Amino acid sequence: MSLSIQTSQKGDVTLVACSGRITLGEETAQFRDTLRGLIKKGDKKILLDLGNVSYLDSSGIGELVGSFTSASNVGATMKLACLTRKIHDLLQITKLLTVFEVFDNDEAAIKSFA
């Protein structure tokens, strides 16, 4: 399954809903281009909904961290929501749960930006 990315606005928060696999190749390029485009456009509050992401490999993790860093460098905030058990465990093993703010659902994450 390839990667599908839908973006929408919830107030001043940009919701980026991903589904599929974020793996080396076309998927990571699409993921990177989408997030960096939002950051370049000036979006300051970005929420990644990863609830429908079935697989995240090391290059996907790299793009996630790179985008987080790019956002932070321009004063933007990026948070994660709706992690699957597999993605949650992966971020826990890599200690990235200590870097990202993670929420169980989009609503709680959106409220946290206020």
Protein backbone atom coordinates (compact mmCIF):
# COMPACT_ATOMS: atom_id res chain seq x y z
CA MET A 1 0.00 0.00 0.00
CA SER A 2 1.45 3.36 -1.00
CA LEU A 3 1.28 6.50 1.10
CA SER A 4 -1.75 8.78 1.05
CA ILE A 5 -1.58 12.21 2.68
CA GLN A 6 -4.59 14.45 3.31
CA THR A 7 -4.16 17.94 4.75
CA SER A 8 -6.91 20.04 6.30
CA GLN A 9 -7.28 23.03 8.61
CA LYS A 10 -8.78 22.79 12.09
CA GLY A 11 -8.74 26.42 13.18
CA ASP A 12 -5.09 27.48 13.10
CA VAL A 13 -3.83 23.88 13.21
CA THR A 14 -2.86 22.07 10.03
CA LEU A 15 -3.91 18.42 10.26
CA VAL A 16 -1.85 16.03 8.16
CA ALA A 17 -3.54 12.61 8.01
CA CYS A 18 -1.29 9.88 6.65
CA SER A 19 -2.27 6.38 5.65
CA GLY A 20 -0.21 3.57 4.21
CA ARG A 21 3.51 3.01 4.52
CA ILE A 22 6.23 5.60 5.08
CA THR A 23 9.23 3.79 3.64
CA LEU A 24 12.38 4.51 1.64
CA GLY A 25 11.66 5.88 -1.80
CA GLU A 26 8.61 7.64 -3.16
CA GLU A 27 6.74 7.57 0.15
CA THR A 28 9.43 9.33 2.17
CA ALA A 29 9.89 11.91 -0.61
CA GLN A 30 6.14 12.60 -0.62
CA PHE A 31 6.10 12.79 3.20
CA ARG A 32 9.10 15.16 3.26
CA ASP A 33 7.76 17.37 0.46
CA THR A 34 4.36 17.70 2.13
CA LEU A 35 5.73 18.62 5.56
CA ARG A 36 8.50 20.90 4.34
CA GLY A 37 5.98 22.62 2.03
CA LEU A 38 3.71 23.37 4.99
CA ILE A 39 6.63 24.69 7.01
CA LYS A 40 7.86 26.84 4.10
CA LYS A 41 4.32 28.18 3.61
CA GLY A 42 4.43 29.40 7.20
CA ASP A 43 2.17 26.92 8.99
CA LYS A 44 3.11 27.13 12.68
CA LYS A 45 0.95 24.37 14.20
CA ILE A 46 1.21 20.99 12.49
CA LEU A 47 -0.48 17.83 13.72
CA LEU A 48 0.45 14.49 12.17
CA ASP A 49 -2.28 11.87 12.44
CA LEU A 50 -0.48 8.56 11.99
CA GLY A 51 -3.42 6.33 12.92
CA ASN A 52 -3.58 4.72 9.49
CA VAL A 53 0.15 4.29 8.94
CA SER A 54 0.81 0.57 8.73
CA TYR A 55 4.61 0.72 8.58
CA LEU A 56 7.38 3.22 9.26
CA ASP A 57 10.96 2.29 8.37
CA SER A 58 14.23 3.99 9.33
CA SER A 59 14.06 6.45 6.44
CA GLY A 60 10.52 7.36 7.49
CA ILE A 61 11.75 7.96 11.03
CA GLY A 62 14.54 10.09 9.60
CA GLU A 63 12.05 12.23 7.68
CA LEU A 64 9.86 12.54 10.77
CA VAL A 65 12.80 13.79 12.84
CA GLY A 66 14.07 16.02 10.02
CA SER A 67 10.67 17.65 9.60
CA PHE A 68 10.35 18.13 13.34
CA THR A 69 13.75 19.86 13.37
CA SER A 70 12.87 22.03 10.37
CA ALA A 71 9.62 23.07 12.06
CA SER A 72 11.38 23.87 15.33
CA ASN A 73 14.02 25.94 13.52
CA VAL A 74 11.35 28.35 12.23
CA GLY A 75 9.31 28.48 15.43
CA ALA A 76 6.67 25.98 14.31
CA THR A 77 5.34 23.13 16.44
CA MET A 78 4.75 19.59 15.21
CA LYS A 79 2.84 17.02 17.27
CA LEU A 80 1.74 13.42 16.68
CA ALA A 81 -1.64 11.78 17.24
CA CYS A 82 -3.37 8.42 16.89
CA LEU A 83 -0.27 6.24 16.82
CA THR A 84 -0.80 2.57 16.12
CA ARG A 85 0.67 0.16 18.67
CA LYS A 86 3.43 -0.74 16.20
CA ILE A 87 4.43 2.90 15.57
CA HIS A 88 4.17 3.75 19.28
CA ASP A 89 6.47 0.85 20.16
CA LEU A 90 8.93 1.88 17.46
CA LEU A 91 9.08 5.45 18.78
CA GLN A 92 9.46 4.13 22.31
CA ILE A 93 12.36 1.84 21.37
CA THR A 94 14.13 4.68 19.55
CA LYS A 95 13.46 7.04 22.49
CA LEU A 96 11.64 9.44 20.15
CA LEU A 97 8.61 9.47 22.44
CA THR A 98 10.70 11.76 24.61
CA VAL A 99 11.08 14.18 21.67
CA PHE A 100 7.57 14.30 20.23
CA GLU A 101 4.38 15.30 21.99
CA VAL A 102 2.01 12.40 21.34
CA PHE A 103 -1.76 12.34 21.80
CA ASP A 104 -4.37 9.57 21.67
CA ASN A 105 -6.68 11.54 19.36
CA ASP A 106 -6.77 14.61 17.11
CA GLU A 107 -9.11 16.58 19.39
CA ALA A 108 -6.80 16.40 22.41
CA ALA A 109 -3.80 17.30 20.27
CA ILE A 110 -5.56 20.30 18.68
CA LYS A 111 -6.57 21.60 22.13
CA SER A 112 -2.96 21.31 23.30
CA PHE A 113 -1.80 23.88 20.74
CA ALA A 114 -3.80 26.64 22.47
